[in-house]
């Protein structure tokens, strides 16, 4: 079984779409682990705030297989693959890591979002604090402690699955 870490986000009917996204991910791994949900302002455009979280799955699917499965979940909830990058989303699921795979092409793993966005790194640091980032010697917790970008982010306390 391969450990897969994915980020999940929504800013359109976000409670509904987060619940549906988690339910679909549980079809891939009923024992998946889920971080807390965080609220964050959109990055790169103006719109409603996002709910973001990270899910840890274990799967026998190949890299292509898990990517296809994630795209199918997004499509089921209205994600348009050819839409502009910085826009509102019903459901956005991004593959962050696939096992210990570290590669710079097709797809880049770990995804650069791991280092770039607070809404990805904080949940990772809570979910897998002592785990090293693939291809790096630092843990998710260490990367979060060194994170210096100003990105407003706060835990959501009134959301339950």
Protein backbone atom coordinates (compact mmCIF):
# COMPACT_ATOMS: atom_id res chain seq x y z
CA UNK A 1 0.00 0.00 0.00
CA UNK A 2 1.23 3.46 -0.90
CA UNK A 3 0.64 6.48 1.31
CA UNK A 4 -0.95 9.31 -0.63
CA UNK A 5 -1.48 12.82 0.73
CA UNK A 6 -4.04 15.04 -0.97
CA UNK A 7 -5.28 18.55 -0.35
CA UNK A 8 -8.99 19.25 -0.54
CA UNK A 9 -10.50 22.70 -0.93
CA UNK A 10 -13.78 24.40 -1.76
CA UNK A 11 -15.19 27.90 -1.75
CA UNK A 12 -18.54 27.20 -3.45
CA UNK A 13 -21.10 25.61 -1.12
CA UNK A 14 -17.98 24.64 0.75
CA UNK A 15 -19.56 22.63 3.61
CA UNK A 16 -21.47 20.47 1.13
CA UNK A 17 -18.57 19.96 -1.26
CA UNK A 18 -16.04 19.21 1.47
CA UNK A 19 -18.36 16.56 2.92
CA UNK A 20 -18.93 15.02 -0.52
CA UNK A 21 -15.21 15.10 -1.32
CA UNK A 22 -14.35 13.35 1.95
CA UNK A 23 -17.07 10.74 1.35
CA UNK A 24 -15.64 10.03 -2.10
CA UNK A 25 -12.09 9.78 -0.74
CA UNK A 26 -13.33 7.33 1.90
CA UNK A 27 -14.46 5.11 -0.99
CA UNK A 28 -10.77 4.88 -1.91
CA UNK A 29 -9.66 4.23 1.69
CA UNK A 30 -12.27 3.89 4.41
CA UNK A 31 -9.54 4.28 7.04
CA UNK A 32 -8.17 7.54 5.67
CA UNK A 33 -7.00 10.18 8.12
CA UNK A 34 -8.30 13.73 7.86
CA UNK A 35 -6.71 16.93 9.14
CA UNK A 36 -8.65 19.73 10.74
CA UNK A 37 -10.39 22.05 8.34
CA UNK A 38 -8.89 25.49 7.86
CA UNK A 39 -10.43 28.61 6.38
CA UNK A 40 -8.27 30.67 4.06
CA UNK A 41 -8.63 33.65 1.81
CA UNK A 42 -8.31 32.90 -1.92
CA UNK A 43 -4.80 33.19 -3.36
CA UNK A 44 -4.45 34.89 -6.75
CA UNK A 45 -8.04 36.12 -7.09
CA UNK A 46 -10.92 37.63 -5.12
CA UNK A 47 -13.81 35.46 -4.02
CA UNK A 48 -15.32 33.71 -1.02
CA UNK A 49 -12.96 32.14 1.50
CA UNK A 50 -11.97 28.50 1.06
CA UNK A 51 -12.22 25.56 3.39
CA UNK A 52 -9.03 23.49 3.08
CA UNK A 53 -7.77 20.26 4.60
CA UNK A 54 -5.40 17.38 3.92
CA UNK A 55 -6.33 13.70 3.69
CA UNK A 56 -3.96 10.76 4.07
CA UNK A 57 -4.93 7.68 2.04
CA UNK A 58 -3.33 4.29 1.56
CA UNK A 59 -3.90 2.74 -1.84
CA UNK A 60 -2.85 0.02 -4.25
CA UNK A 61 -3.60 2.34 -7.18
CA UNK A 62 -0.74 3.38 -9.44
CA UNK A 63 0.23 7.05 -9.67
CA UNK A 64 -1.86 7.40 -12.83
CA UNK A 65 -4.69 5.47 -11.19
CA UNK A 66 -4.89 7.74 -8.15
CA UNK A 67 -4.65 10.87 -10.30
CA UNK A 68 -7.51 9.60 -12.49
CA UNK A 69 -9.58 8.76 -9.40
CA UNK A 70 -9.04 12.26 -7.94
CA UNK A 71 -10.01 13.90 -11.25
CA UNK A 72 -13.17 11.81 -11.42
CA UNK A 73 -14.18 12.95 -7.93
CA UNK A 74 -13.61 16.59 -8.87
CA UNK A 75 -15.55 16.18 -12.11
CA UNK A 76 -18.45 14.55 -10.28
CA UNK A 77 -18.82 17.79 -8.31
CA UNK A 78 -18.55 20.20 -11.23
CA UNK A 79 -14.82 20.82 -11.60
CA UNK A 80 -13.98 21.85 -15.15
CA UNK A 81 -10.48 20.69 -16.13
CA UNK A 82 -9.99 23.43 -18.72
CA UNK A 83 -11.11 26.29 -16.46
CA UNK A 84 -8.75 29.13 -15.56
CA UNK A 85 -6.45 28.37 -12.64
CA UNK A 86 -7.30 31.12 -10.16
CA UNK A 87 -11.05 30.95 -9.70
CA UNK A 88 -13.78 29.74 -7.37
CA UNK A 89 -14.00 25.97 -6.95
CA UNK A 90 -16.73 23.53 -6.00
CA UNK A 91 -14.12 20.93 -5.18
CA UNK A 92 -10.36 21.05 -5.69
CA UNK A 93 -8.38 17.90 -4.89
CA UNK A 94 -4.63 17.99 -5.47
CA UNK A 95 -2.18 15.13 -5.16
CA UNK A 96 0.55 16.36 -2.81
CA UNK A 97 2.61 13.18 -2.42
CA UNK A 98 2.64 9.61 -3.69
CA UNK A 99 4.69 7.49 -1.33
CA UNK A 100 8.30 8.63 -1.25
CA UNK A 101 8.28 9.58 -4.92
CA UNK A 102 10.19 12.77 -5.68
CA UNK A 103 10.13 13.97 -9.28
CA UNK A 104 10.16 17.27 -11.12
CA UNK A 105 7.95 16.31 -14.07
CA UNK A 106 4.65 14.65 -14.86
CA UNK A 107 3.43 15.39 -12.13
CA UNK A 108 5.81 17.27 -9.86
CA UNK A 109 5.99 15.39 -6.55
CA UNK A 110 5.89 16.43 -3.88
CA UNK A 111 3.60 19.15 -5.22
CA UNK A 112 5.11 22.62 -4.76
CA UNK A 113 2.00 23.61 -2.76
CA UNK A 114 3.55 21.71 0.17
CA UNK A 115 6.09 24.51 0.57
CA UNK A 116 4.11 27.39 -0.91
CA UNK A 117 0.75 27.58 0.88
CA UNK A 118 -0.10 27.74 4.57
CA UNK A 119 -3.44 26.04 3.88
CA UNK A 120 -1.50 22.97 2.71
CA UNK A 121 1.50 22.97 5.04
CA UNK A 122 -0.26 23.59 8.38
CA UNK A 123 -2.65 20.61 7.95
CA UNK A 124 0.28 18.45 6.78
CA UNK A 125 2.28 19.47 9.85
CA UNK A 126 -0.59 18.42 12.09
CA UNK A 127 -1.43 15.20 10.26
CA UNK A 128 2.13 13.89 9.68
CA UNK A 129 4.39 16.06 11.87
CA UNK A 130 7.41 13.76 12.10
CA UNK A 131 7.27 12.47 8.52
CA UNK A 132 9.95 13.76 6.16
CA UNK A 133 8.80 15.45 2.99
CA UNK A 134 9.73 13.15 0.06
CA UNK A 135 13.09 14.19 -1.40
CA UNK A 136 13.81 16.45 1.60
CA UNK A 137 15.38 15.93 5.01
CA UNK A 138 12.96 18.18 6.86
CA UNK A 139 9.69 17.04 8.35
CA UNK A 140 6.33 18.67 7.68
CA UNK A 141 6.45 20.12 11.18
CA UNK A 142 9.90 21.63 10.58
CA UNK A 143 8.78 23.10 7.26
CA UNK A 144 5.72 24.63 8.95
CA UNK A 145 7.83 26.09 11.76
CA UNK A 146 10.11 27.70 9.12
CA UNK A 147 7.21 28.96 6.98
CA UNK A 148 7.38 32.74 6.75
CA UNK A 149 4.72 33.74 4.22
CA UNK A 150 1.90 35.98 5.40
CA UNK A 151 -1.20 33.99 4.50
CA UNK A 152 -4.27 34.45 6.70
CA UNK A 153 -5.47 31.05 7.85
CA UNK A 154 -7.50 29.85 10.81
CA UNK A 155 -8.97 26.54 12.02
CA UNK A 156 -12.69 26.00 11.52
CA UNK A 157 -14.27 25.01 14.81
CA UNK A 158 -17.93 24.67 13.84
CA UNK A 159 -17.65 21.96 11.15
CA UNK A 160 -18.17 18.27 11.76
CA UNK A 161 -18.34 15.27 9.44
